[in-house]
Amino acid sequence: MLVIPAIDLKDGRCVRLRQGDMAAETVYSDDVAEVAGRWQQKGAGLIHVVDLNGAVDGEPKNLLQIEAVMKAVCVKVQLGGGIRTIDMVRRYLNAGVSRVVLGTAALTNRTLLSQACKEFPQRIVLGLDARDGRIAVKGWTALSDVRAVDLLKELSDCAIAAVVYTDIARDGMLNGPNLPALKEIVEFSSFPVIASGGITSLHDLRAVQSIGPKIEGAIIGKALYDGKLDYQAAVAALSSLTDSIC
């Protein structure tokens, strides 16, 4: 299981939010390229980048910082936030981004999702951001009536690379992941699943990993930046657990 560090971009800086609240931010760095380079140096094979302003406004807002990240690292970058047109999908993927995350667009523009999956099979990630099982859109500022598991069922035939499931109530709160909800997503998903939201400790990571082989990875943000979880120790712990199981 991959341990995936997150870089959330707001107003050009690396931040973390509490439950997606744009007014409840903690700023960790003004140099996002340095942050990305630090995660690469620590051994990250995949970095999860989110344009928070873009997610709310519906169009990319931190392009300079995203470009800086791409220049700073040679590891894979997974990018989401404000990607609502096929032109932006093409721009990012042709510029070297490994995978793009479609959240709002996956729910509101099925034509875009289908076209993106057709042009770039296995390079589109479905972003499922949910509160009480219902999908949130527009940077978590609006809650739809669609249940995450129902959308998964509808998209089972798409060439989606993976699903990122984020429990909004847990995000940035450092109180552990919503394991029952994550297990439900895994049960209904035809794709590998990446857990996000609330993961704070080695115990949390082991609990997520124990759900099964369909779990591709876990995205971690605040716990890493606050020093509650050491990236290299987390990777080592998961590797040791896998070795002992084998």
Protein backbone atom coordinates (compact mmCIF):
# COMPACT_ATOMS: atom_id res chain seq x y z
CA MET A 1 0.00 0.00 0.00
CA LEU A 2 1.34 3.40 -1.00
CA VAL A 3 1.81 6.16 1.54
CA ILE A 4 0.97 9.29 -0.45
CA PRO A 5 1.87 12.74 0.87
CA ALA A 6 -0.56 15.52 0.02
CA ILE A 7 0.21 19.06 -1.11
CA ASP A 8 -2.87 21.27 -0.90
CA LEU A 9 -2.49 24.61 -2.68
CA LYS A 10 -4.34 27.74 -1.61
CA ASP A 11 -3.34 31.23 -2.70
CA GLY A 12 0.01 29.89 -3.89
CA ARG A 13 0.94 28.28 -0.57
CA CYS A 14 0.99 24.77 0.88
CA VAL A 15 -1.81 24.58 3.43
CA ARG A 16 -4.11 22.18 5.24
CA LEU A 17 -7.78 22.84 5.91
CA ARG A 18 -10.13 21.58 8.60
CA GLN A 19 -12.98 19.60 7.03
CA GLY A 20 -12.47 21.46 3.77
CA ASP A 21 -13.24 24.88 5.27
CA MET A 22 -11.37 27.45 3.17
CA ALA A 23 -11.41 29.85 6.12
CA ALA A 24 -9.85 27.32 8.50
CA GLU A 25 -6.38 26.96 7.05
CA THR A 26 -2.95 26.26 8.44
CA VAL A 27 -0.12 27.48 6.22
CA TYR A 28 2.91 25.19 6.12
CA SER A 29 5.05 26.70 3.37
CA ASP A 30 5.23 29.42 0.74
CA ASP A 31 7.63 27.26 -1.29
CA VAL A 32 5.60 24.39 -2.69
CA ALA A 33 8.43 23.19 -4.93
CA GLU A 34 10.61 22.72 -1.86
CA VAL A 35 7.84 20.79 -0.15
CA ALA A 36 7.47 18.49 -3.15
CA GLY A 37 11.22 17.97 -3.30
CA ARG A 38 11.25 17.07 0.38
CA TRP A 39 8.68 14.30 -0.14
CA GLN A 40 10.63 12.97 -3.10
CA GLN A 41 13.81 12.96 -1.01
CA LYS A 42 12.02 10.97 1.69
CA GLY A 43 11.14 8.32 -0.88
CA ALA A 44 7.61 9.15 -2.01
CA GLY A 45 6.75 7.54 -5.34
CA LEU A 46 3.50 9.46 -5.75
CA ILE A 47 2.51 12.94 -4.55
CA HIS A 48 -1.12 14.04 -4.39
CA VAL A 49 -1.58 17.72 -5.32
CA VAL A 50 -4.85 19.63 -4.99
CA ASP A 51 -5.64 23.13 -6.27
CA LEU A 52 -8.07 24.17 -3.52
CA ASN A 53 -8.89 27.53 -5.08
CA GLY A 54 -9.51 25.80 -8.37
CA ALA A 55 -11.85 23.28 -6.78
CA VAL A 56 -14.05 26.09 -5.45
CA ASP A 57 -13.85 28.40 -8.47
CA GLY A 58 -14.17 25.69 -11.12
CA GLU A 59 -10.93 26.49 -12.93
CA PRO A 60 -7.22 26.16 -12.14
CA LYS A 61 -5.91 28.93 -9.88
CA ASN A 62 -2.46 27.75 -8.80
CA LEU A 63 -0.91 26.95 -12.18
CA LEU A 64 2.47 28.51 -11.38
CA GLN A 65 2.81 26.43 -8.23
CA ILE A 66 1.71 23.26 -10.01
CA GLU A 67 4.29 23.88 -12.72
CA ALA A 68 6.92 24.46 -10.03
CA VAL A 69 6.09 21.12 -8.44
CA MET A 70 6.36 19.36 -11.79
CA LYS A 71 9.81 20.88 -12.37
CA ALA A 72 11.00 20.09 -8.85
CA VAL A 73 10.35 16.33 -8.84
CA CYS A 74 10.67 13.34 -11.11
CA VAL A 75 8.24 11.13 -9.20
CA LYS A 76 4.61 10.67 -10.18
CA VAL A 77 2.20 13.50 -9.46
CA GLN A 78 -1.56 13.02 -9.10
CA LEU A 79 -3.46 16.29 -9.51
CA GLY A 80 -6.98 17.46 -8.77
CA GLY A 81 -8.95 20.64 -8.18
CA GLY A 82 -10.84 22.71 -10.74
CA ILE A 83 -10.37 20.36 -13.67
CA ARG A 84 -13.71 20.75 -15.45
CA THR A 85 -12.83 20.66 -19.17
CA ILE A 86 -11.19 18.15 -21.47
CA ASP A 87 -8.68 20.83 -22.48
CA MET A 88 -7.41 21.06 -18.90
CA VAL A 89 -7.24 17.28 -18.65
CA ARG A 90 -5.13 17.23 -21.80
CA ARG A 91 -2.97 20.13 -20.66
CA TYR A 92 -2.04 18.52 -17.37
CA LEU A 93 -1.52 14.99 -18.65
CA ASN A 94 0.49 16.15 -21.66
CA ALA A 95 2.62 18.29 -19.32
CA GLY A 96 3.71 15.26 -17.33
CA VAL A 97 1.10 14.83 -14.61
CA SER A 98 0.65 11.09 -14.15
CA ARG A 99 -3.04 11.12 -13.27
CA VAL A 100 -5.75 13.75 -12.91
CA VAL A 101 -8.54 13.59 -10.36
CA LEU A 102 -12.07 14.40 -11.49
CA GLY A 103 -14.53 15.02 -8.67
CA THR A 104 -17.23 17.58 -9.43
CA ALA A 105 -16.91 16.93 -13.17
CA ALA A 106 -17.40 13.19 -12.68
CA LEU A 107 -20.79 13.89 -11.13
CA THR A 108 -21.99 16.85 -13.17
CA ASN A 109 -20.43 16.21 -16.58
CA ARG A 110 -20.55 12.55 -17.46
CA THR A 111 -19.62 13.33 -21.07
CA LEU A 112 -16.32 14.85 -19.91
CA LEU A 113 -15.56 11.85 -17.72
CA SER A 114 -16.27 9.41 -20.56
CA GLN A 115 -14.17 11.39 -23.03
CA ALA A 116 -11.27 11.72 -20.59
CA CYS A 117 -11.30 7.99 -19.81
CA LYS A 118 -11.42 7.20 -23.53
CA GLU A 119 -8.50 9.48 -24.41
CA PHE A 120 -6.47 8.68 -21.32
CA PRO A 121 -7.43 5.22 -20.05
CA GLN A 122 -6.13 4.40 -16.58
CA ARG A 123 -4.96 7.99 -16.05
CA ILE A 124 -8.21 9.38 -14.67
CA VAL A 125 -8.88 9.10 -10.94
CA LEU A 126 -12.38 9.43 -9.54
CA GLY A 127 -12.50 11.78 -6.57
CA LEU A 128 -15.25 10.79 -4.16
CA ASP A 129 -15.49 13.41 -1.43
CA ALA A 130 -18.36 12.50 0.86
CA ARG A 131 -20.13 13.57 3.99
CA ASP A 132 -22.48 11.03 5.54
CA GLY A 133 -22.18 8.98 2.36
CA ARG A 134 -23.30 11.77 0.01
CA ILE A 135 -20.98 13.34 -2.56
CA ALA A 136 -19.78 16.91 -2.05
CA VAL A 137 -18.85 19.10 -5.03
CA LYS A 138 -17.33 22.49 -5.86
CA GLY A 139 -14.54 22.23 -3.36
CA TRP A 140 -16.85 20.70 -0.75
CA THR A 141 -19.00 23.86 -0.71
CA ALA A 142 -22.13 22.00 -1.91
CA LEU A 143 -23.57 18.62 -1.00
CA SER A 144 -25.35 16.57 -3.65
CA ASP A 145 -28.12 14.00 -3.17
CA VAL A 146 -26.01 11.31 -4.84
CA ARG A 147 -24.58 8.56 -2.69
CA ALA A 148 -20.94 7.68 -3.31
CA VAL A 149 -21.67 3.97 -3.67
CA ASP A 150 -24.39 4.64 -6.25
CA LEU A 151 -22.00 6.67 -8.41
CA LEU A 152 -19.45 3.88 -8.17
CA LYS A 153 -21.98 1.40 -9.49
CA GLU A 154 -22.84 3.68 -12.43
CA LEU A 155 -19.19 4.10 -13.43
CA SER A 156 -18.11 0.47 -13.13
CA ASP A 157 -17.42 0.16 -16.88
CA CYS A 158 -15.22 3.28 -17.16
CA ALA A 159 -11.44 3.00 -17.64
CA ILE A 160 -10.78 4.69 -14.30
CA ALA A 161 -7.37 4.18 -12.71
CA ALA A 162 -8.45 4.45 -9.08
CA VAL A 163 -10.87 6.05 -6.64
CA VAL A 164 -9.81 8.54 -3.98
CA TYR A 165 -12.35 8.37 -1.16
CA THR A 166 -12.26 11.27 1.29
CA ASP A 167 -14.45 11.46 4.34
CA ILE A 168 -14.89 15.20 4.74
CA ALA A 169 -15.81 15.03 8.41
CA ARG A 170 -12.46 13.37 9.15
CA ASP A 171 -10.26 15.47 6.86
CA GLY A 172 -7.72 17.56 8.76
CA MET A 173 -9.13 16.51 12.13
CA LEU A 174 -6.47 13.95 13.12
CA ASN A 175 -9.07 11.62 14.60
CA GLY A 176 -8.67 8.56 12.41
CA PRO A 177 -10.29 7.38 9.16
CA ASN A 178 -13.92 6.33 8.75
CA LEU A 179 -13.23 2.63 8.33
CA PRO A 180 -16.85 1.44 7.93
CA ALA A 181 -17.44 3.94 5.11
CA LEU A 182 -14.14 3.01 3.48
CA LYS A 183 -15.01 -0.68 3.63
CA GLU A 184 -18.33 0.05 1.92
CA ILE A 185 -16.56 1.93 -0.86
CA VAL A 186 -14.14 -0.96 -1.36
CA GLU A 187 -17.04 -3.39 -1.50
CA PHE A 188 -18.81 -1.50 -4.28
CA SER A 189 -15.77 -0.26 -6.22
CA SER A 190 -14.60 -1.90 -9.43
CA PHE A 191 -11.36 0.06 -9.12
CA PRO A 192 -8.43 0.31 -6.69
CA VAL A 193 -9.24 2.60 -3.76
CA ILE A 194 -7.10 5.28 -2.14
CA ALA A 195 -8.11 6.29 1.38
CA SER A 196 -8.06 9.92 2.48
CA GLY A 197 -9.14 11.83 5.55
CA GLY A 198 -8.19 11.53 9.21
CA ILE A 199 -5.24 9.14 8.91
CA THR A 200 -2.97 10.08 11.78
CA SER A 201 -1.00 7.10 13.06
CA LEU A 202 0.65 3.83 12.13
CA HIS A 203 -2.36 2.12 13.67
CA ASP A 204 -4.64 3.98 11.23
CA LEU A 205 -2.48 2.97 8.28
CA ARG A 206 -2.44 -0.67 9.32
CA ALA A 207 -6.22 -0.60 9.76
CA VAL A 208 -6.67 0.82 6.25
CA GLN A 209 -4.24 -1.70 4.76
CA SER A 210 -6.04 -4.58 6.48
CA ILE A 211 -9.23 -3.84 4.53
CA GLY A 212 -7.77 -5.75 1.63
CA PRO A 213 -5.71 -5.78 -1.56
CA LYS A 214 -8.05 -3.38 -3.33
CA ILE A 215 -6.60 -0.57 -1.19
CA GLU A 216 -3.95 1.06 -3.38
CA GLY A 217 -2.78 3.68 -0.95
CA ALA A 218 -3.50 6.26 1.72
CA ILE A 219 -3.19 10.01 1.32
CA ILE A 220 -1.80 11.78 4.37
CA GLY A 221 -1.57 15.51 4.93
CA LYS A 222 -1.85 17.20 8.31
CA ALA A 223 -0.38 14.30 10.29
CA LEU A 224 2.81 14.50 8.22
CA TYR A 225 3.08 18.27 8.35
CA ASP A 226 2.43 18.41 12.09
CA GLY A 227 5.00 15.68 12.74
CA LYS A 228 2.51 13.24 14.23
CA LEU A 229 3.48 10.69 11.60
CA ASP A 230 6.91 10.18 10.08
CA TYR A 231 6.76 9.35 6.38
CA GLN A 232 9.70 6.96 6.24
CA ALA A 233 8.65 5.20 9.44
CA ALA A 234 5.18 4.73 8.00
CA VAL A 235 6.51 3.18 4.80
CA ALA A 236 8.83 0.90 6.78
CA ALA A 237 6.03 -0.19 9.10
CA LEU A 238 3.72 -1.10 6.24
CA SER A 239 6.49 -2.96 4.43
CA SER A 240 7.25 -4.97 7.58
CA LEU A 241 3.56 -5.82 7.97
CA THR A 242 3.36 -6.97 4.36
CA ASP A 243 6.47 -9.10 4.74
CA SER A 244 5.10 -10.74 7.88
CA ILE A 245 1.81 -11.54 6.13
CA CYS A 246 3.64 -13.05 3.15
